[in-house]
Amino acid sequence: DETSRHHYYLQLRDNVVRHGGGVESLHSRHPLHAPGVLSALLVLAGLALQADLGDFAEERHRPHAIGGYCKSTDYLPPHMCLDTNVLGILAAQHRDCRGLSREEAEFQYIREAVLLDAPLNAHLYRLRRTKNEQGPGRVLLAISARGIRVFAEEGLPRSFTWNNIGKLCFDRKKFEIRAVDQPEKLTLFSGCDDKSKLLLGLCRETHQFSMSIAPRVSEARKREEEEKKMLRDCYMYPARCKLSMTARSA
């Protein structure tokens, strides 16, 4: 419904800012630093401005006016707001979305954010590599409906889908995860026992939620594929498509 969509959009927009903030945003291995992700975040910012402000208007939305027409930190991670021309860049992205209604802009924002190969549609936490490591940790743990992803400063992200996790447990501050098809386990550490318990509970609840909505997700994907096929057929065989639509309405 409209209210759920709007709140989902607001949560994802907030995740863009929060997940890219903090000390970890300064690391080149951060998932929101990848070149492909940076360009996608600019597109998302343009959609968000369209949803929030409507069509770009030169007289009202001058990027170099005193104070600007928006706060860049409301739409982009902190490290992307350091560019001196950030408001001009946002204005250009905003212009590209002209004509979209608020509902259309929010829907496109949600769709693009969910499909993006970055932990925007996920709960993000920092863990430690070793028991004696200081600070909140240099490893990012992303928990989503698809499973768990682990981002570290070195190497590629590791992904564990829910149906491929053979072991997932916390022993006080120690967190262990092992895939069904991998003999080696991944061990990380949290800052306290309570955080470990909360993370384990979140993993269980997210897994259960993922399983409960799986049939509906599968049905939605099936409908989407059918719609894509119909659009392809209409493009390649317009006469046949017109005949099919006439038969349906009869």
Protein backbone atom coordinates (compact mmCIF):
# COMPACT_ATOMS: atom_id res chain seq x y z
CA ASP A 1 0.00 0.00 0.00
CA GLU A 2 1.00 3.66 -0.30
CA THR A 3 2.00 4.13 3.36
CA SER A 4 4.18 1.01 3.44
CA ARG A 5 5.88 2.00 0.18
CA HIS A 6 6.61 5.49 1.45
CA HIS A 7 8.09 4.29 4.74
CA TYR A 8 10.14 1.64 2.91
CA TYR A 9 11.51 4.36 0.65
CA LEU A 10 12.40 6.55 3.64
CA GLN A 11 14.18 3.67 5.36
CA LEU A 12 16.26 2.87 2.28
CA ARG A 13 17.14 6.55 1.82
CA ASP A 14 18.24 6.70 5.44
CA ASN A 15 20.30 3.52 4.97
CA VAL A 16 22.22 5.16 2.11
CA VAL A 17 23.35 7.91 4.47
CA ARG A 18 23.89 5.83 7.61
CA HIS A 19 25.52 2.79 5.98
CA GLY A 20 28.04 5.02 4.24
CA GLY A 21 28.90 6.99 7.36
CA GLY A 22 31.33 6.52 10.20
CA VAL A 23 34.99 5.53 10.12
CA GLU A 24 34.42 2.65 7.71
CA SER A 25 33.39 5.06 4.93
CA LEU A 26 37.04 6.10 4.66
CA HIS A 27 38.14 2.59 3.67
CA SER A 28 38.41 1.88 -0.04
CA ARG A 29 36.96 -1.62 0.55
CA HIS A 30 33.70 -0.24 1.90
CA PRO A 31 30.79 -1.59 -0.21
CA LEU A 32 29.53 1.94 -0.90
CA HIS A 33 32.88 2.96 -2.42
CA ALA A 34 32.79 0.72 -5.53
CA PRO A 35 32.74 2.80 -8.77
CA GLY A 36 29.55 1.15 -10.04
CA VAL A 37 27.84 1.75 -6.71
CA LEU A 38 28.82 5.44 -6.61
CA SER A 39 27.12 6.18 -9.91
CA ALA A 40 24.04 4.23 -8.83
CA LEU A 41 23.86 6.23 -5.57
CA LEU A 42 23.73 9.44 -7.62
CA VAL A 43 20.81 8.06 -9.63
CA LEU A 44 19.06 7.16 -6.37
CA ALA A 45 19.65 10.68 -5.07
CA GLY A 46 17.98 12.12 -8.17
CA LEU A 47 14.96 9.86 -7.70
CA ALA A 48 14.74 10.83 -4.02
CA LEU A 49 14.81 14.55 -4.88
CA GLN A 50 12.07 14.00 -7.45
CA ALA A 51 9.98 12.14 -4.85
CA ASP A 52 10.52 14.81 -2.20
CA LEU A 53 10.46 18.03 -4.27
CA GLY A 54 8.73 17.22 -7.54
CA ASP A 55 10.02 18.43 -10.92
CA PHE A 56 13.22 20.49 -10.88
CA ALA A 57 12.47 24.21 -11.29
CA GLU A 58 15.31 26.63 -12.03
CA GLU A 59 13.74 29.49 -10.07
CA ARG A 60 13.18 27.40 -6.92
CA HIS A 61 15.95 24.80 -7.06
CA ARG A 62 19.09 26.74 -7.86
CA PRO A 63 21.98 24.56 -6.60
CA HIS A 64 24.27 27.53 -5.92
CA ALA A 65 21.77 29.69 -4.10
CA ILE A 66 22.51 30.57 -0.48
CA GLY A 67 22.08 27.33 1.45
CA GLY A 68 21.33 25.41 -1.73
CA TYR A 69 17.95 23.82 -2.37
CA CYS A 70 18.71 20.62 -0.47
CA LYS A 71 21.14 19.14 2.03
CA SER A 72 23.42 16.73 0.21
CA THR A 73 23.90 14.76 3.45
CA ASP A 74 20.19 13.85 3.34
CA TYR A 75 20.67 11.99 0.05
CA LEU A 76 24.28 10.79 -0.16
CA PRO A 77 26.85 9.13 2.14
CA PRO A 78 29.22 11.62 3.83
CA HIS A 79 32.23 10.77 1.65
CA MET A 80 30.28 11.68 -1.51
CA CYS A 81 29.33 15.10 -0.11
CA LEU A 82 32.94 16.33 -0.05
CA ASP A 83 32.82 17.31 -3.74
CA THR A 84 32.57 21.10 -4.00
CA ASN A 85 30.07 20.74 -6.86
CA VAL A 86 27.91 18.14 -5.14
CA LEU A 87 24.75 20.31 -5.31
CA GLY A 88 25.27 20.86 -9.03
CA ILE A 89 25.63 17.11 -9.54
CA LEU A 90 22.46 16.47 -7.55
CA ALA A 91 20.59 19.10 -9.56
CA ALA A 92 21.58 17.35 -12.81
CA GLN A 93 20.34 14.01 -11.47
CA HIS A 94 17.13 15.68 -10.31
CA ARG A 95 16.51 17.16 -13.78
CA ASP A 96 16.83 13.70 -15.35
CA CYS A 97 13.82 12.51 -13.34
CA ARG A 98 11.45 15.19 -14.60
CA GLY A 99 7.89 13.97 -15.12
CA LEU A 100 7.89 11.19 -12.54
CA SER A 101 5.18 11.36 -9.91
CA ARG A 102 6.08 10.93 -6.26
CA GLU A 103 4.74 7.37 -6.34
CA GLU A 104 6.72 6.48 -9.46
CA ALA A 105 9.93 8.03 -8.11
CA GLU A 106 9.63 6.19 -4.79
CA PHE A 107 8.87 2.90 -6.53
CA GLN A 108 11.88 3.26 -8.85
CA TYR A 109 14.07 4.22 -5.87
CA ILE A 110 13.05 1.06 -4.00
CA ARG A 111 13.55 -1.13 -7.06
CA GLU A 112 17.01 0.26 -7.86
CA ALA A 113 18.17 0.14 -4.22
CA VAL A 114 17.08 -3.48 -3.77
CA LEU A 115 18.76 -4.62 -7.00
CA LEU A 116 22.00 -2.76 -6.24
CA ASP A 117 24.96 -4.95 -5.24
CA ALA A 118 25.42 -3.07 -1.96
CA PRO A 119 23.99 -3.62 1.55
CA LEU A 120 21.29 -0.94 1.39
CA ASN A 121 18.35 -3.28 1.95
CA ALA A 122 20.02 -4.87 4.98
CA HIS A 123 20.90 -4.49 8.64
CA LEU A 124 24.58 -3.54 8.89
CA TYR A 125 26.85 -4.21 11.87
CA ARG A 126 30.56 -4.01 12.61
CA LEU A 127 32.43 -7.00 14.04
CA ARG A 128 36.02 -7.78 14.92
CA ARG A 129 38.37 -10.18 13.20
CA THR A 130 40.08 -11.23 16.43
CA LYS A 131 39.08 -11.39 20.07
CA ASN A 132 41.67 -8.79 21.11
CA GLU A 133 40.99 -6.28 18.34
CA GLN A 134 40.23 -2.79 19.63
CA GLY A 135 37.26 -0.66 18.62
CA PRO A 136 33.90 -1.74 17.17
CA GLY A 137 35.59 -3.78 14.42
CA ARG A 138 36.71 -3.48 10.80
CA VAL A 139 34.39 -6.13 9.35
CA LEU A 140 30.89 -5.24 8.11
CA LEU A 141 28.18 -7.87 8.58
CA ALA A 142 25.08 -7.35 6.42
CA ILE A 143 21.92 -9.31 7.31
CA SER A 144 19.13 -9.30 4.71
CA ALA A 145 16.24 -11.41 3.43
CA ARG A 146 18.69 -13.13 1.05
CA GLY A 147 21.19 -14.14 3.72
CA ILE A 148 24.42 -12.81 5.22
CA ARG A 149 27.25 -10.93 3.51
CA VAL A 150 30.60 -10.17 5.08
CA PHE A 151 32.69 -7.20 3.91
CA ALA A 152 36.33 -6.96 5.01
CA GLU A 153 39.18 -4.60 4.15
CA GLU A 154 40.89 -7.29 2.12
CA GLY A 155 39.48 -9.73 -0.40
CA LEU A 156 36.04 -9.98 -1.96
CA PRO A 157 32.79 -10.01 0.05
CA ARG A 158 31.67 -13.43 1.27
CA SER A 159 28.02 -14.36 0.80
CA PHE A 160 25.98 -16.94 2.68
CA THR A 161 22.42 -17.51 1.47
CA TRP A 162 20.01 -18.79 4.12
CA ASN A 163 19.49 -22.15 2.41
CA ASN A 164 23.26 -22.70 2.21
CA ILE A 165 24.13 -22.02 5.85
CA GLY A 166 25.02 -25.22 7.67
CA LYS A 167 25.97 -23.67 11.02
CA LEU A 168 25.24 -20.29 12.58
CA CYS A 169 25.91 -19.74 16.28
CA PHE A 170 27.20 -17.34 18.91
CA ASP A 171 29.29 -18.42 21.88
CA ARG A 172 29.38 -15.36 24.11
CA LYS A 173 31.30 -12.84 21.94
CA LYS A 174 32.28 -15.33 19.22
CA PHE A 175 30.18 -15.58 16.05
CA GLU A 176 30.61 -18.63 13.78
CA ILE A 177 29.14 -19.23 10.36
CA ARG A 178 29.75 -22.16 8.01
CA ALA A 179 28.32 -22.85 4.57
CA VAL A 180 26.99 -26.30 3.71
CA ASP A 181 29.45 -26.76 0.85
CA GLN A 182 32.50 -25.27 2.61
CA PRO A 183 34.56 -27.11 5.26
CA GLU A 184 36.07 -23.93 6.72
CA LYS A 185 34.04 -21.78 9.11
CA LEU A 186 34.17 -18.00 9.40
CA THR A 187 34.76 -16.73 12.93
CA LEU A 188 34.18 -13.15 14.02
CA PHE A 189 33.82 -11.41 17.37
CA SER A 190 31.40 -8.86 18.77
CA GLY A 191 32.05 -6.30 21.50
CA CYS A 192 29.76 -7.86 24.11
CA ASP A 193 27.56 -10.88 24.85
CA ASP A 194 24.32 -8.91 24.50
CA LYS A 195 25.19 -7.82 20.96
CA SER A 196 25.88 -11.45 20.06
CA LYS A 197 22.47 -12.56 21.36
CA LEU A 198 20.69 -9.76 19.50
CA LEU A 199 22.49 -10.58 16.23
CA LEU A 200 21.66 -14.27 16.51
CA GLY A 201 18.01 -13.43 17.18
CA LEU A 202 17.93 -11.06 14.20
CA CYS A 203 19.45 -13.75 11.95
CA ARG A 204 16.81 -16.27 13.03
CA GLU A 205 13.91 -13.86 12.59
CA THR A 206 15.18 -12.66 9.20
CA HIS A 207 15.60 -16.26 8.03
CA GLN A 208 12.06 -17.13 9.13
CA PHE A 209 10.68 -14.02 7.42
CA SER A 210 12.58 -14.88 4.23
CA MET A 211 11.09 -18.37 4.20
CA SER A 212 7.57 -17.08 4.85
CA ILE A 213 7.59 -14.62 1.92
CA ALA A 214 9.43 -16.93 -0.51
CA PRO A 215 6.21 -18.14 -2.24
CA ARG A 216 4.98 -14.57 -2.77
CA VAL A 217 8.37 -13.44 -4.07
CA SER A 218 8.42 -16.37 -6.49
CA GLU A 219 4.92 -15.52 -7.70
CA ALA A 220 5.84 -11.84 -8.16
CA ARG A 221 8.91 -12.78 -10.18
CA LYS A 222 6.81 -15.12 -12.32
CA ARG A 223 4.33 -12.31 -13.07
CA GLU A 224 7.19 -9.94 -13.88
CA GLU A 225 8.66 -12.43 -16.35
CA GLU A 226 5.24 -12.90 -17.97
CA GLU A 227 4.86 -9.12 -18.33
CA LYS A 228 8.34 -8.83 -19.86
CA LYS A 229 7.50 -11.60 -22.33
CA MET A 230 4.26 -9.87 -23.29
CA LEU A 231 6.10 -6.58 -23.86
CA ARG A 232 8.69 -8.34 -26.05
CA ASP A 233 5.92 -10.00 -28.04
CA CYS A 234 4.14 -6.67 -28.50
CA TYR A 235 7.37 -5.11 -29.75
CA MET A 236 8.20 -7.94 -32.15
CA TYR A 237 4.66 -8.92 -33.20
CA PRO A 238 2.37 -5.88 -32.70
CA ALA A 239 -0.48 -7.34 -34.76
CA ARG A 240 -0.54 -10.54 -32.70
CA CYS A 241 -0.41 -8.55 -29.46
CA LYS A 242 -3.32 -6.35 -30.55
CA LEU A 243 -5.36 -9.44 -31.40
CA SER A 244 -4.56 -11.00 -28.01
CA MET A 245 -5.58 -7.85 -26.11
CA THR A 246 -8.82 -7.59 -28.14
CA ALA A 247 -9.66 -11.20 -27.27
CA ARG A 248 -9.06 -10.54 -23.58
CA SER A 249 -11.40 -7.54 -23.53
CA ALA A 250 -14.15 -9.39 -25.40
